Amino acid sequence: METDNLVALKDDMVAFIEGHGMRRLPGYVTEDIPAILWEGSEDNPDSWKDFVEMAKHAGALFVTISDVKLDRDELDELIEEAGELNFPDEEASELIEAQWLQKYAGKVGYIQLGFVHQGVMFLHETTTEWYERYQEILEGIESFHDIVIDDSEGENEEL
C-alpha cells in the first residue's frame, strides 16, 4: 500500500463497508461532538476492518466516511503565511517544511470513519506522516496569529 496517498485505502474501505451491507454517509465528525477514538491503528494497519466489523456488530446502519486531500491553494497560502511569519529568514523550518509538502499536493492524507451507537460517536482515523506534520505547521501558525492578535488588543487597551 502506498503510504503517501490513502486514496487506494479509501477505495478498499468503501468496498469493505458495502460488502458488509452497510451504507456510507459522506460526512466529517467534528471535534465538537463527543466521541471515542479507536486505538491500535499504528500497530495494525488493517484495524479499520475491525472497526467496520464492530459497527456492523453494534447494528449501525451506516458508517460516516470523510477524507482530506491536500489542496494546492491551501498549501500555497500556508507557504505564504510561513514566509511572512519568518521574514526575512528564508531558511526557517516552518517555511522549508511547508515547501516540502508541495510534493503531496492532491494526495489523500487523512481518512475518518465513524458510527453512532447508543448516542456515542465512535471514530477511526487513518493519517499519513506528512498530513500530521501539515496539521502541526497549521496549528503553529494559527497559535502565532492568536498571540499577535492578543498582543495588539493589549496595546490598544493601554492607550
Protein backbone atom coordinates (compact mmCIF):
# COMPACT_ATOMS: atom_id res chain seq x y z
CA MET A 1 0.00 0.00 0.00
CA GLU A 2 1.26 3.47 -0.84
CA THR A 3 1.64 5.26 2.47
CA ASP A 4 1.91 8.77 1.00
CA ASN A 5 -1.56 8.66 -0.58
CA LEU A 6 -4.54 6.99 1.09
CA VAL A 7 -6.82 7.05 -1.96
CA ALA A 8 -6.46 3.29 -2.61
CA LEU A 9 -7.13 2.59 1.07
CA LYS A 10 -10.30 4.68 0.88
CA ASP A 11 -11.46 2.61 -2.10
CA ASP A 12 -10.81 -0.56 -0.07
CA MET A 13 -12.77 0.89 2.85
CA VAL A 14 -15.74 1.74 0.64
CA ALA A 15 -15.79 -1.78 -0.81
CA PHE A 16 -15.46 -3.37 2.64
CA ILE A 17 -18.27 -1.26 4.13
CA GLU A 18 -20.58 -2.00 1.22
CA GLY A 19 -19.58 -5.67 1.36
CA HIS A 20 -20.93 -5.76 4.91
CA GLY A 21 -24.27 -4.44 3.66
CA MET A 22 -23.90 -1.05 5.29
CA ARG A 23 -24.38 2.37 3.80
CA ARG A 24 -21.84 5.16 3.68
CA LEU A 25 -22.67 8.64 4.85
CA PRO A 26 -20.22 11.19 3.47
CA GLY A 27 -19.52 13.42 6.42
CA TYR A 28 -16.85 14.57 8.80
CA VAL A 29 -17.38 14.33 12.55
CA THR A 30 -16.01 17.49 14.15
CA GLU A 31 -14.19 17.79 17.46
CA ASP A 32 -17.32 19.47 18.87
CA ILE A 33 -19.09 16.12 19.02
CA PRO A 34 -18.17 13.84 21.94
CA ALA A 35 -16.55 10.75 20.51
CA ILE A 36 -14.47 7.72 21.34
CA LEU A 37 -11.41 7.28 19.14
CA TRP A 38 -10.48 3.74 18.10
CA GLU A 39 -6.99 2.82 19.29
CA GLY A 40 -4.48 0.44 17.78
CA SER A 41 -4.30 1.89 14.29
CA GLU A 42 -0.50 2.13 14.33
CA ASP A 43 0.03 -1.47 15.41
CA ASN A 44 -2.40 -2.89 12.89
CA PRO A 45 -2.80 -1.09 9.54
CA ASP A 46 -5.98 -3.12 8.91
CA SER A 47 -7.62 -2.11 12.21
CA TRP A 48 -10.16 -0.16 10.16
CA LYS A 49 -11.62 -3.53 9.13
CA ASP A 50 -12.12 -4.43 12.78
CA PHE A 51 -13.75 -1.04 13.25
CA VAL A 52 -16.21 -1.63 10.39
CA GLU A 53 -17.00 -5.11 11.74
CA MET A 54 -17.61 -3.56 15.18
CA ALA A 55 -20.03 -1.07 13.58
CA LYS A 56 -21.89 -3.95 11.93
CA HIS A 57 -21.95 -5.94 15.17
CA ALA A 58 -23.30 -2.87 17.01
CA GLY A 59 -26.15 -2.67 14.50
CA ALA A 60 -25.03 0.51 12.77
CA LEU A 61 -26.91 1.05 9.52
CA PHE A 62 -24.26 3.36 8.14
CA VAL A 63 -20.66 4.44 8.58
CA THR A 64 -19.60 8.05 8.14
CA ILE A 65 -16.60 8.49 5.88
CA SER A 66 -14.53 11.55 5.17
CA ASP A 67 -11.16 12.15 3.59
CA VAL A 68 -8.87 15.14 3.30
CA LYS A 69 -6.85 15.80 0.19
CA LEU A 70 -4.04 18.34 0.41
CA ASP A 71 -5.30 21.27 -1.63
CA ARG A 72 -2.63 23.14 -3.62
CA ASP A 73 -4.26 26.55 -2.98
CA GLU A 74 -4.39 25.94 0.79
CA LEU A 75 -0.77 24.79 0.69
CA ASP A 76 0.25 27.93 -1.22
CA GLU A 77 -1.44 30.03 1.48
CA LEU A 78 0.38 28.08 4.17
CA ILE A 79 3.73 28.67 2.44
CA GLU A 80 2.94 32.38 2.11
CA GLU A 81 1.98 32.65 5.80
CA ALA A 82 5.06 30.69 6.89
CA GLY A 83 7.20 33.03 4.77
CA GLU A 84 5.59 36.13 6.30
CA LEU A 85 5.88 34.69 9.78
CA ASN A 86 9.60 34.06 9.37
CA PHE A 87 10.55 37.01 7.16
CA PRO A 88 13.39 37.71 6.38
CA ASP A 89 14.67 34.22 7.37
CA GLU A 90 14.07 32.15 4.24
CA GLU A 91 15.69 29.14 5.93
CA ALA A 92 13.10 28.95 8.72
CA SER A 93 11.97 25.40 9.47
CA GLU A 94 8.22 26.11 9.07
CA LEU A 95 8.78 27.61 5.63
CA ILE A 96 11.05 24.79 4.49
CA GLU A 97 8.63 22.13 5.75
CA ALA A 98 5.65 23.87 4.14
CA GLN A 99 7.53 23.93 0.84
CA TRP A 100 8.47 20.25 1.32
CA LEU A 101 4.75 19.42 1.50
CA GLN A 102 4.24 20.54 -2.12
CA LYS A 103 5.05 17.03 -3.36
CA TYR A 104 1.93 15.80 -1.53
CA ALA A 105 -0.50 18.27 -3.11
CA GLY A 106 -3.56 16.45 -4.45
CA LYS A 107 -2.93 13.36 -2.30
CA VAL A 108 -5.25 12.00 0.39
CA GLY A 109 -3.57 12.20 3.78
CA TYR A 110 -6.44 11.61 6.21
CA ILE A 111 -9.49 9.34 6.38
CA GLN A 112 -12.07 9.31 9.15
CA LEU A 113 -14.63 6.54 9.65
CA GLY A 114 -17.39 6.78 12.23
CA PHE A 115 -20.59 5.25 13.53
CA VAL A 116 -23.08 6.05 16.25
CA HIS A 117 -24.06 3.53 18.90
CA GLN A 118 -26.35 4.34 21.82
CA GLY A 119 -25.78 8.05 21.40
CA VAL A 120 -21.99 7.81 21.33
CA MET A 121 -19.89 8.54 18.24
CA PHE A 122 -17.10 6.05 17.58
CA LEU A 123 -14.29 7.15 15.26
CA HIS A 124 -11.38 5.58 13.43
CA GLU A 125 -8.74 7.84 11.89
CA THR A 126 -6.01 6.96 9.42
CA THR A 127 -3.33 9.53 8.61
CA THR A 128 -0.07 9.80 6.78
CA GLU A 129 3.05 11.21 8.44
CA TRP A 130 3.10 14.18 6.07
CA TYR A 131 -0.52 15.05 6.91
CA GLU A 132 0.25 15.03 10.63
CA ARG A 133 3.19 17.38 10.00
CA TYR A 134 0.93 19.61 7.87
CA GLN A 135 -1.52 19.86 10.77
CA GLU A 136 1.30 20.72 13.20
CA ILE A 137 2.52 23.52 10.94
CA LEU A 138 -1.04 24.87 10.56
CA GLU A 139 -1.61 24.81 14.31
CA GLY A 140 1.74 26.51 14.95
CA ILE A 141 0.96 29.34 12.55
CA GLU A 142 -2.57 29.73 13.93
CA SER A 143 -1.30 29.89 17.51
CA PHE A 144 1.25 32.53 16.48
CA HIS A 145 -1.53 34.61 14.90
CA ASP A 146 -3.53 34.26 18.13
CA ILE A 147 -0.57 35.61 20.12
CA VAL A 148 -0.14 38.55 17.75
CA ILE A 149 -3.86 39.35 17.92
CA ASP A 150 -3.83 39.11 21.74
CA ASP A 151 -0.79 41.42 21.93
CA SER A 152 -2.32 44.02 19.65
CA GLU A 153 -5.53 44.02 21.70
CA GLY A 154 -3.48 44.59 24.86
CA GLU A 155 -1.63 47.53 23.28
CA ASN A 156 -4.89 49.23 22.35
CA GLU A 157 -6.17 48.95 25.91
CA GLU A 158 -3.12 50.72 27.31
CA LEU A 159 -3.62 53.77 25.08
